[in-house]
């Protein structure tokens, strides 16, 4: 019904209701019914306005809980308020006009371009292998249809936009010409020279001046060809412990980036997991705590808190659970945070938890609330990761794992190995779940 009301509002229509029995109706509307219909229309518009301001993009059908939307919008405004900036002379400025000038200067510098270089663009085109046939090109050159435009737009999030592709062709050409050697885990593993995701990327190489110069030349060609510049202030380089400090500083200066001991996280995941797993994944608990305490439980009923926990809180760690097995102690802490939020605990007053969280994780048919058992869900996602390794052996991660951990057997017989990565150890922990459900399907041999 909420979706129907929103569509009516978007079309500028008004739901006039009806008078009569179940199978008959009359258009003899009274003044009171016209006022009621106008009130519903205004409430729907108000709900849509505050829902957009609150940026509660996870919510599909609202219940006109404007107090929640108001609080979300106020919290978001307070969090995003810029009270001051540091200028070019490293002096704090709080004057609104100076803040405006600094913002305008920064974004003009970030989003401005000096155009493109035809010579650099030609080098990129020559390095790009031909993948489009004549028939494919004729199909691509046809005018766009309304269905294609609608399909492309509706696949995007309303507040998101698409991004450009990167440097793969230039780097691949440099690898083929032996100007870049990349990084190899072992002699049978594929060579890693770059990993790109959206506008983030990793570049791998050996510690020599020639390879660093090759990377700088590639980035320079890319910048001149497309007018996009790499932000070296946000970039960093990590070296092996076997490289001397003098060489590290020399190469870091050549690359014009800062040298760090190790990268912390990439795309929200820790790149290196040491012995203290709880400390490494403490950021997940902090995100949970910050998110739950930013909501006000007193303005939500049980149904609202249930939806928030299921749709937002319990999905925050899914990305990490795809790769790593979270410690049980961390899962218990997350359970406690969710239970405290659901039952309305505060710092001053702890309320009674009428049911244990284990029973709350049961399905509603079994008397629970259908919350996720995070640890069991974590094992299931790791089992799915193992299944992708089995069914997609040509993927990069499958090739790396096979070369490193099971070069002479299958995934099912693979052992943990010596000094394994935590991602591989996590995958092995999820394998029993996969074995318990996997089945052989006998075919006809074709």
Protein backbone atom coordinates (compact mmCIF):
# COMPACT_ATOMS: atom_id res chain seq x y z
CA UNK A 1 0.00 0.00 0.00
CA UNK A 2 2.88 2.34 0.75
CA UNK A 3 4.32 1.74 -2.73
CA UNK A 4 0.91 2.50 -4.27
CA UNK A 5 0.69 5.78 -2.34
CA UNK A 6 4.18 6.82 -3.48
CA UNK A 7 3.31 6.12 -7.12
CA UNK A 8 0.13 8.15 -6.78
CA UNK A 9 2.12 11.04 -5.31
CA UNK A 10 4.78 10.88 -8.05
CA UNK A 11 2.03 11.04 -10.70
CA UNK A 12 0.28 13.96 -8.97
CA UNK A 13 -2.85 11.89 -8.34
CA UNK A 14 -5.08 11.67 -5.28
CA UNK A 15 -6.67 8.55 -3.84
CA UNK A 16 -10.29 9.57 -3.28
CA UNK A 17 -11.36 6.33 -1.62
CA UNK A 18 -14.83 4.86 -2.07
CA UNK A 19 -18.22 4.68 -0.37
CA UNK A 20 -20.46 1.64 -0.39
CA UNK A 21 -20.47 -2.08 0.20
CA UNK A 22 -17.68 -4.43 -0.78
CA UNK A 23 -18.66 -4.85 -4.44
CA UNK A 24 -20.25 -1.45 -5.11
CA UNK A 25 -18.95 2.08 -4.91
CA UNK A 26 -20.13 5.66 -5.29
CA UNK A 27 -18.32 8.86 -6.23
CA UNK A 28 -20.53 11.01 -3.99
CA UNK A 29 -17.65 12.17 -1.81
CA UNK A 30 -18.27 14.18 1.29
CA UNK A 31 -16.19 17.14 2.35
CA UNK A 32 -14.71 15.10 5.20
CA UNK A 33 -13.49 12.40 2.80
CA UNK A 34 -11.86 15.01 0.53
CA UNK A 35 -10.04 16.48 3.53
CA UNK A 36 -8.92 13.00 4.60
CA UNK A 37 -7.61 12.23 1.11
CA UNK A 38 -5.69 15.53 1.05
CA UNK A 39 -4.23 14.76 4.47
CA UNK A 40 -3.01 11.34 3.29
CA UNK A 41 -1.39 12.95 0.26
CA UNK A 42 0.42 15.53 2.41
CA UNK A 43 1.60 12.85 4.82
CA UNK A 44 2.98 10.79 1.95
CA UNK A 45 4.85 13.79 0.55
CA UNK A 46 6.21 14.61 4.01
CA UNK A 47 7.33 11.02 4.54
CA UNK A 48 9.09 11.00 1.16
CA UNK A 49 10.86 14.30 1.93
CA UNK A 50 12.18 13.21 5.33
CA UNK A 51 13.07 9.75 4.05
CA UNK A 52 15.27 11.34 1.38
CA UNK A 53 16.89 13.67 3.90
CA UNK A 54 17.59 10.80 6.31
CA UNK A 55 19.32 8.78 3.55
CA UNK A 56 17.74 5.59 4.90
CA UNK A 57 18.33 3.86 1.55
CA UNK A 58 17.83 0.40 3.08
CA UNK A 59 14.16 1.18 3.82
CA UNK A 60 11.73 0.29 1.05
CA UNK A 61 8.30 0.64 2.69
CA UNK A 62 7.92 3.16 5.49
CA UNK A 63 5.27 3.52 8.18
CA UNK A 64 5.39 7.33 8.34
CA UNK A 65 7.60 7.16 11.40
CA UNK A 66 8.69 10.76 10.92
CA UNK A 67 10.37 10.91 14.34
CA UNK A 68 12.89 8.31 13.18
CA UNK A 69 13.49 10.12 9.88
CA UNK A 70 13.86 13.45 11.70
CA UNK A 71 16.46 11.99 14.05
CA UNK A 72 18.37 10.39 11.18
CA UNK A 73 18.38 13.65 9.23
CA UNK A 74 19.52 15.64 12.28
CA UNK A 75 22.29 13.15 13.08
CA UNK A 76 23.46 13.15 9.48
CA UNK A 77 23.52 16.96 9.35
CA UNK A 78 25.47 17.14 12.61
CA UNK A 79 27.95 14.51 11.43
CA UNK A 80 28.54 16.15 8.03
CA UNK A 81 28.76 19.72 9.30
CA UNK A 82 32.13 21.27 8.40
CA UNK A 83 33.18 23.59 11.20
CA UNK A 84 36.57 24.49 9.79
CA UNK A 85 39.37 23.54 7.39
CA UNK A 86 43.16 23.88 7.22
CA UNK A 87 44.30 26.24 4.48
CA UNK A 88 47.38 26.11 2.25
CA UNK A 89 49.57 27.56 5.03
CA UNK A 90 48.42 24.82 7.44
CA UNK A 91 46.34 27.34 9.44
CA UNK A 92 42.91 26.42 10.80
CA UNK A 93 40.13 28.51 9.24
CA UNK A 94 36.57 28.67 10.59
CA UNK A 95 35.26 31.66 8.65
CA UNK A 96 32.41 30.51 6.32
CA UNK A 97 33.73 32.52 3.36
CA UNK A 98 37.22 31.08 3.77
CA UNK A 99 35.79 27.55 4.07
CA UNK A 100 33.84 28.13 0.87
CA UNK A 101 36.98 29.35 -0.92
CA UNK A 102 39.01 26.32 0.24
CA UNK A 103 36.31 23.90 -0.87
CA UNK A 104 35.95 25.55 -4.26
CA UNK A 105 39.72 25.55 -4.75
CA UNK A 106 40.09 21.92 -3.74
CA UNK A 107 37.33 20.51 -5.93
CA UNK A 108 38.32 22.67 -8.90
CA UNK A 109 41.79 21.16 -8.62
CA UNK A 110 40.48 17.61 -8.19
CA UNK A 111 37.90 17.64 -10.98
CA UNK A 112 39.67 19.87 -13.49
CA UNK A 113 41.54 18.46 -16.46
CA UNK A 114 44.07 19.88 -18.88
CA UNK A 115 42.54 17.91 -21.71
CA UNK A 116 44.01 14.82 -23.30
CA UNK A 117 47.14 14.05 -25.26
CA UNK A 118 46.52 12.43 -28.66
CA UNK A 119 49.92 10.73 -28.60
CA UNK A 120 49.25 9.20 -25.17
CA UNK A 121 45.74 8.18 -26.20
CA UNK A 122 47.16 6.44 -29.27
CA UNK A 123 49.60 4.54 -27.05
CA UNK A 124 46.70 3.34 -24.89
CA UNK A 125 44.68 2.27 -27.93
CA UNK A 126 47.65 0.36 -29.38
CA UNK A 127 48.19 -1.41 -26.08
CA UNK A 128 44.53 -2.45 -25.85
CA UNK A 129 43.89 -5.82 -27.53
CA UNK A 130 41.06 -5.97 -30.06
CA UNK A 131 38.09 -7.80 -28.55
CA UNK A 132 35.18 -6.39 -30.57
CA UNK A 133 34.38 -8.09 -33.88
CA UNK A 134 32.79 -6.35 -36.87
CA UNK A 135 29.37 -7.78 -36.04
CA UNK A 136 29.68 -6.71 -32.41
CA UNK A 137 30.70 -3.20 -33.49
CA UNK A 138 27.70 -2.89 -35.80
CA UNK A 139 25.45 -3.93 -32.95
CA UNK A 140 27.08 -1.39 -30.63
CA UNK A 141 26.71 1.41 -33.19
CA UNK A 142 22.95 1.00 -33.47
CA UNK A 143 20.81 3.69 -31.79
CA UNK A 144 19.87 3.05 -28.18
CA UNK A 145 16.37 1.80 -27.53
CA UNK A 146 14.17 2.94 -24.67
CA UNK A 147 14.36 -0.54 -23.11
CA UNK A 148 18.19 -0.49 -23.12
CA UNK A 149 18.33 2.96 -21.50
CA UNK A 150 15.78 1.95 -18.88
CA UNK A 151 17.62 -1.30 -18.14
CA UNK A 152 20.97 0.47 -17.72
CA UNK A 153 19.56 3.18 -15.45
CA UNK A 154 17.43 0.88 -13.31
CA UNK A 155 20.43 -1.35 -12.60
CA UNK A 156 22.15 1.59 -10.89
CA UNK A 157 21.35 2.82 -7.43
CA UNK A 158 19.38 6.11 -7.58
CA UNK A 159 22.18 8.02 -5.82
CA UNK A 160 25.15 6.26 -7.48
CA UNK A 161 27.00 6.68 -10.75
CA UNK A 162 29.24 4.52 -12.90
CA UNK A 163 33.02 4.82 -12.87
CA UNK A 164 35.80 4.65 -15.46
CA UNK A 165 38.04 1.70 -16.25
CA UNK A 166 41.77 1.82 -15.62
CA UNK A 167 45.26 0.92 -16.64
CA UNK A 168 45.06 -2.80 -17.37
CA UNK A 169 45.98 -2.57 -21.05
CA UNK A 170 49.11 -0.45 -20.49
CA UNK A 171 50.31 -2.65 -17.63
CA UNK A 172 49.68 -5.84 -19.62
CA UNK A 173 51.74 -4.45 -22.51
CA UNK A 174 54.59 -3.59 -20.13
CA UNK A 175 54.49 -7.12 -18.69
CA UNK A 176 54.62 -8.67 -22.18
CA UNK A 177 57.63 -6.48 -23.02
CA UNK A 178 59.36 -7.57 -19.77
CA UNK A 179 59.43 -4.03 -18.39
CA UNK A 180 57.42 -5.17 -15.34
CA UNK A 181 58.05 -8.48 -13.57
CA UNK A 182 55.34 -8.32 -10.93
CA UNK A 183 55.12 -10.53 -7.84
CA UNK A 184 55.01 -14.34 -7.61
CA UNK A 185 54.02 -16.30 -4.48
CA UNK A 186 55.71 -19.50 -5.70
CA UNK A 187 57.10 -20.87 -8.95
CA UNK A 188 53.76 -22.38 -10.09
CA UNK A 189 51.58 -19.41 -9.08
CA UNK A 190 50.38 -16.77 -11.55
CA UNK A 191 52.23 -13.46 -11.53
CA UNK A 192 50.53 -10.53 -9.85
CA UNK A 193 51.22 -7.10 -11.27
CA UNK A 194 47.97 -5.19 -10.60
CA UNK A 195 44.58 -5.52 -8.93
CA UNK A 196 41.91 -2.91 -9.63
CA UNK A 197 38.53 -2.32 -8.03
CA UNK A 198 36.58 0.81 -9.08
CA UNK A 199 38.95 3.73 -8.40
CA UNK A 200 41.22 1.79 -6.00
CA UNK A 201 44.15 -0.33 -7.06
CA UNK A 202 47.23 -2.32 -6.11
CA UNK A 203 50.42 -2.37 -8.16
CA UNK A 204 52.99 -5.13 -7.57
CA UNK A 205 56.61 -5.11 -8.65
CA UNK A 206 60.22 -5.87 -7.81
CA UNK A 207 62.46 -3.47 -5.92
CA UNK A 208 64.48 -1.97 -8.75
CA UNK A 209 64.63 1.48 -10.27
CA UNK A 210 63.76 0.36 -13.80
CA UNK A 211 60.43 -1.16 -12.79
CA UNK A 212 59.47 1.88 -10.72
CA UNK A 213 60.23 4.12 -13.70
CA UNK A 214 58.06 1.88 -15.90
CA UNK A 215 55.13 2.28 -13.54
CA UNK A 216 55.60 6.04 -13.40
CA UNK A 217 55.67 6.23 -17.20
CA UNK A 218 52.48 4.15 -17.42
CA UNK A 219 50.69 6.42 -14.96
CA UNK A 220 51.93 9.48 -16.85
CA UNK A 221 50.61 8.13 -20.17
CA UNK A 222 47.28 7.32 -18.56
CA UNK A 223 46.99 10.82 -17.08
CA UNK A 224 47.80 12.50 -20.40
CA UNK A 225 45.43 10.22 -22.31
CA UNK A 226 42.35 10.56 -20.12
CA UNK A 227 42.96 13.69 -18.06
CA UNK A 228 42.63 11.76 -14.77
CA UNK A 229 45.41 12.13 -12.23
CA UNK A 230 46.47 9.65 -9.58
CA UNK A 231 46.22 11.03 -6.05
CA UNK A 232 49.75 10.34 -4.79
CA UNK A 233 48.96 11.98 -1.44
CA UNK A 234 46.60 9.09 -0.65
CA UNK A 235 48.95 6.46 -2.10
CA UNK A 236 51.61 4.51 -0.23
CA UNK A 237 54.17 1.78 -0.85
CA UNK A 238 55.14 -1.26 1.23
CA UNK A 239 58.41 -3.14 0.89
CA UNK A 240 59.59 -6.56 1.98
CA UNK A 241 61.61 -6.80 5.17
CA UNK A 242 64.54 -8.00 3.05
CA UNK A 243 64.86 -4.59 1.37
CA UNK A 244 67.26 -2.15 3.01
CA UNK A 245 65.89 1.11 4.37
CA UNK A 246 68.07 3.11 2.01
CA UNK A 247 66.57 1.36 -1.02
CA UNK A 248 63.05 1.77 0.36
CA UNK A 249 63.45 5.51 0.77
CA UNK A 250 65.03 5.87 -2.66
CA UNK A 251 62.24 4.00 -4.47
CA UNK A 252 59.50 5.72 -2.46
CA UNK A 253 60.95 9.09 -3.46
CA UNK A 254 61.08 7.95 -7.09
CA UNK A 255 57.42 6.90 -6.97
CA UNK A 256 56.49 10.15 -5.16
CA UNK A 257 54.50 8.28 -2.49
CA UNK A 258 55.00 7.74 1.23
CA UNK A 259 56.58 4.58 2.60
CA UNK A 260 54.61 2.68 5.23
CA UNK A 261 55.39 -0.47 7.18
CA UNK A 262 52.19 -2.21 6.07
CA UNK A 263 48.79 -1.38 4.63
CA UNK A 264 46.02 -1.37 7.21
CA UNK A 265 42.85 -2.20 5.29
CA UNK A 266 41.83 -2.32 1.65
CA UNK A 267 38.15 -2.06 0.65
CA UNK A 268 37.29 -2.40 4.33
CA UNK A 269 39.19 -5.66 4.89
CA UNK A 270 42.41 -6.12 6.86
CA UNK A 271 45.24 -7.11 4.52
CA UNK A 272 47.27 -8.86 7.20
CA UNK A 273 45.79 -10.87 10.05
CA UNK A 274 48.23 -11.63 12.86
CA UNK A 275 47.90 -13.73 15.99
CA UNK A 276 45.45 -11.43 17.78
CA UNK A 277 42.33 -11.92 15.66
CA UNK A 278 40.14 -10.09 18.15
CA UNK A 279 42.26 -6.95 17.87
CA UNK A 280 42.35 -7.08 14.07
CA UNK A 281 38.56 -7.34 13.77
CA UNK A 282 37.81 -4.90 16.57
CA UNK A 283 36.80 -2.34 13.94
CA UNK A 284 33.72 -4.43 13.13
CA UNK A 285 32.55 -4.24 16.73
CA UNK A 286 33.22 -0.50 16.76
CA UNK A 287 31.11 -0.05 13.63
CA UNK A 288 28.32 -2.10 15.22
CA UNK A 289 28.44 -0.06 18.40
CA UNK A 290 28.50 3.26 16.56
CA UNK A 291 25.62 2.27 14.31
CA UNK A 292 23.38 0.85 17.03
CA UNK A 293 23.91 3.75 19.42
CA UNK A 294 23.22 6.25 16.64
CA UNK A 295 19.69 4.85 16.47
CA UNK A 296 17.23 5.77 19.16
CA UNK A 297 15.49 2.64 20.35
CA UNK A 298 12.83 4.61 22.22
CA UNK A 299 11.33 6.01 18.99
CA UNK A 300 11.08 2.55 17.37
CA UNK A 301 8.73 -0.29 18.12
CA UNK A 302 9.79 -3.95 18.12
CA UNK A 303 9.05 -4.35 14.42
CA UNK A 304 11.19 -1.33 13.56
CA UNK A 305 14.10 -2.55 15.65
CA UNK A 306 13.79 -6.01 14.12
CA UNK A 307 14.05 -4.59 10.59
CA UNK A 308 17.03 -2.41 11.53
CA UNK A 309 18.93 -5.33 13.04
CA UNK A 310 18.21 -7.65 10.11
CA UNK A 311 18.62 -5.18 7.24
CA UNK A 312 21.50 -3.05 8.54
CA UNK A 313 23.28 -4.27 11.67
CA UNK A 314 23.63 -7.94 10.77
CA UNK A 315 24.73 -7.15 7.21
CA UNK A 316 27.63 -4.87 8.18
CA UNK A 317 30.07 -7.75 8.63
CA UNK A 318 29.04 -9.79 5.57
CA UNK A 319 31.93 -8.52 3.45
CA UNK A 320 34.50 -9.60 6.04
CA UNK A 321 32.73 -12.93 6.58
CA UNK A 322 33.14 -13.72 2.88
CA UNK A 323 36.90 -13.91 3.39
CA UNK A 324 37.67 -14.50 7.08
CA UNK A 325 36.33 -16.55 9.98
CA UNK A 326 35.42 -14.10 12.71
CA UNK A 327 36.41 -14.99 16.29
CA UNK A 328 33.62 -16.47 18.40
CA UNK A 329 34.23 -13.85 21.07
CA UNK A 330 33.53 -11.12 18.50
CA UNK A 331 30.31 -12.86 17.42
CA UNK A 332 29.23 -13.04 21.08
CA UNK A 333 29.88 -9.32 21.49
CA UNK A 334 27.78 -8.59 18.40
CA UNK A 335 24.98 -10.76 19.80
CA UNK A 336 25.09 -8.78 23.04
CA UNK A 337 24.95 -5.44 21.22
CA UNK A 338 21.98 -6.51 19.10
CA UNK A 339 20.14 -7.93 22.12
CA UNK A 340 20.71 -4.76 24.14
CA UNK A 341 19.35 -2.64 21.30
CA UNK A 342 16.33 -4.88 20.73
CA UNK A 343 15.31 -4.97 24.40
CA UNK A 344 15.98 -1.26 24.90
CA UNK A 345 19.00 -1.26 27.22
CA UNK A 346 20.61 2.06 28.09
CA UNK A 347 23.74 3.03 30.01
CA UNK A 348 21.62 3.94 33.02
CA UNK A 349 19.10 1.13 32.93
CA UNK A 350 19.38 -2.49 31.82
CA UNK A 351 16.08 -4.07 30.87
CA UNK A 352 15.08 -7.71 31.13
CA UNK A 353 15.93 -9.88 28.12
CA UNK A 354 12.90 -12.11 28.03
CA UNK A 355 14.48 -14.63 25.65
CA UNK A 356 18.03 -15.76 25.03
CA UNK A 357 19.64 -14.71 21.77
CA UNK A 358 19.93 -18.34 20.66
CA UNK A 359 16.16 -18.64 20.77
CA UNK A 360 15.79 -15.27 19.05
CA UNK A 361 17.86 -16.67 16.16
CA UNK A 362 15.29 -19.41 15.53
CA UNK A 363 12.82 -18.96 12.70
CA UNK A 364 9.46 -17.40 13.46
CA UNK A 365 7.80 -20.73 12.81
CA UNK A 366 9.96 -22.16 15.59
CA UNK A 367 9.14 -19.35 17.99
CA UNK A 368 12.10 -17.06 17.32
CA UNK A 369 12.58 -13.77 15.49
CA UNK A 370 14.63 -15.02 12.55
CA UNK A 371 17.85 -13.19 13.45
CA UNK A 372 21.08 -14.52 11.95
CA UNK A 373 23.42 -16.75 13.89
CA UNK A 374 26.49 -14.83 12.74
CA UNK A 375 29.05 -17.56 13.40
CA UNK A 376 27.01 -20.21 11.55
CA UNK A 377 26.35 -17.75 8.75
CA UNK A 378 30.08 -17.04 8.60
CA UNK A 379 30.86 -20.73 8.12
CA UNK A 380 28.21 -20.96 5.39
CA UNK A 381 29.74 -18.04 3.49
CA UNK A 382 33.21 -19.58 3.75
CA UNK A 383 31.75 -22.83 2.43
CA UNK A 384 30.39 -20.85 -0.51
CA UNK A 385 33.88 -19.46 -1.06
CA UNK A 386 35.23 -23.02 -1.18
CA UNK A 387 32.54 -23.96 -3.67
CA UNK A 388 33.62 -21.09 -5.94
CA UNK A 389 37.18 -22.43 -5.81
CA UNK A 390 35.93 -25.88 -6.84
CA UNK A 391 33.59 -24.72 -9.61
CA UNK A 392 35.74 -21.86 -10.94
CA UNK A 393 39.32 -23.17 -10.94
CA UNK A 394 40.42 -20.58 -13.52
CA UNK A 395 39.80 -17.65 -11.19
CA UNK A 396 42.82 -15.82 -9.84
CA UNK A 397 42.22 -16.72 -6.19
CA UNK A 398 41.71 -20.41 -7.09
CA UNK A 399 44.99 -20.49 -9.03
CA UNK A 400 46.88 -18.83 -6.17
CA UNK A 401 45.47 -21.21 -3.56
CA UNK A 402 46.17 -24.29 -5.68
CA UNK A 403 49.75 -23.27 -6.43
CA UNK A 404 50.43 -22.51 -2.78
CA UNK A 405 48.45 -25.12 -0.81
CA UNK A 406 47.32 -28.06 -2.98
CA UNK A 407 49.40 -28.27 -6.18
CA UNK A 408 49.20 -32.08 -6.41
CA UNK A 409 45.69 -32.81 -5.14
CA UNK A 410 42.17 -31.40 -5.19
CA UNK A 411 40.56 -28.90 -2.86
CA UNK A 412 38.84 -31.72 -0.96
CA UNK A 413 42.15 -33.35 0.05
CA UNK A 414 44.05 -30.09 0.66
CA UNK A 415 45.73 -29.63 4.03
CA UNK A 416 46.32 -26.50 6.03
CA UNK A 417 50.03 -26.36 5.19
CA UNK A 418 52.89 -24.50 6.84
CA UNK A 419 52.36 -20.87 7.87
CA UNK A 420 49.06 -20.54 5.99
CA UNK A 421 47.32 -17.27 5.32
CA UNK A 422 44.35 -16.62 7.55
CA UNK A 423 42.08 -16.46 4.50
CA UNK A 424 43.08 -20.04 3.58
CA UNK A 425 42.71 -21.20 7.18
CA UNK A 426 39.21 -19.69 7.20
CA UNK A 427 38.36 -21.44 3.94
CA UNK A 428 39.47 -24.79 5.41
CA UNK A 429 37.21 -24.16 8.45
CA UNK A 430 34.24 -23.75 6.10
CA UNK A 431 35.00 -26.90 4.09
CA UNK A 432 33.21 -29.36 6.49
CA UNK A 433 29.98 -27.40 5.98
CA UNK A 434 30.42 -27.75 2.22
CA UNK A 435 31.25 -31.46 2.47
CA UNK A 436 28.12 -32.12 4.51
CA UNK A 437 25.87 -30.83 1.73
CA UNK A 438 27.74 -31.48 -1.51
CA UNK A 439 26.45 -34.34 -3.69
CA UNK A 440 27.70 -36.20 -6.73
CA UNK A 441 25.47 -36.03 -9.79
CA UNK A 442 25.80 -38.96 -12.19
CA UNK A 443 25.51 -37.89 -15.80
CA UNK A 444 25.48 -39.66 -19.15
CA UNK A 445 29.14 -38.93 -19.94
CA UNK A 446 28.44 -36.24 -22.52
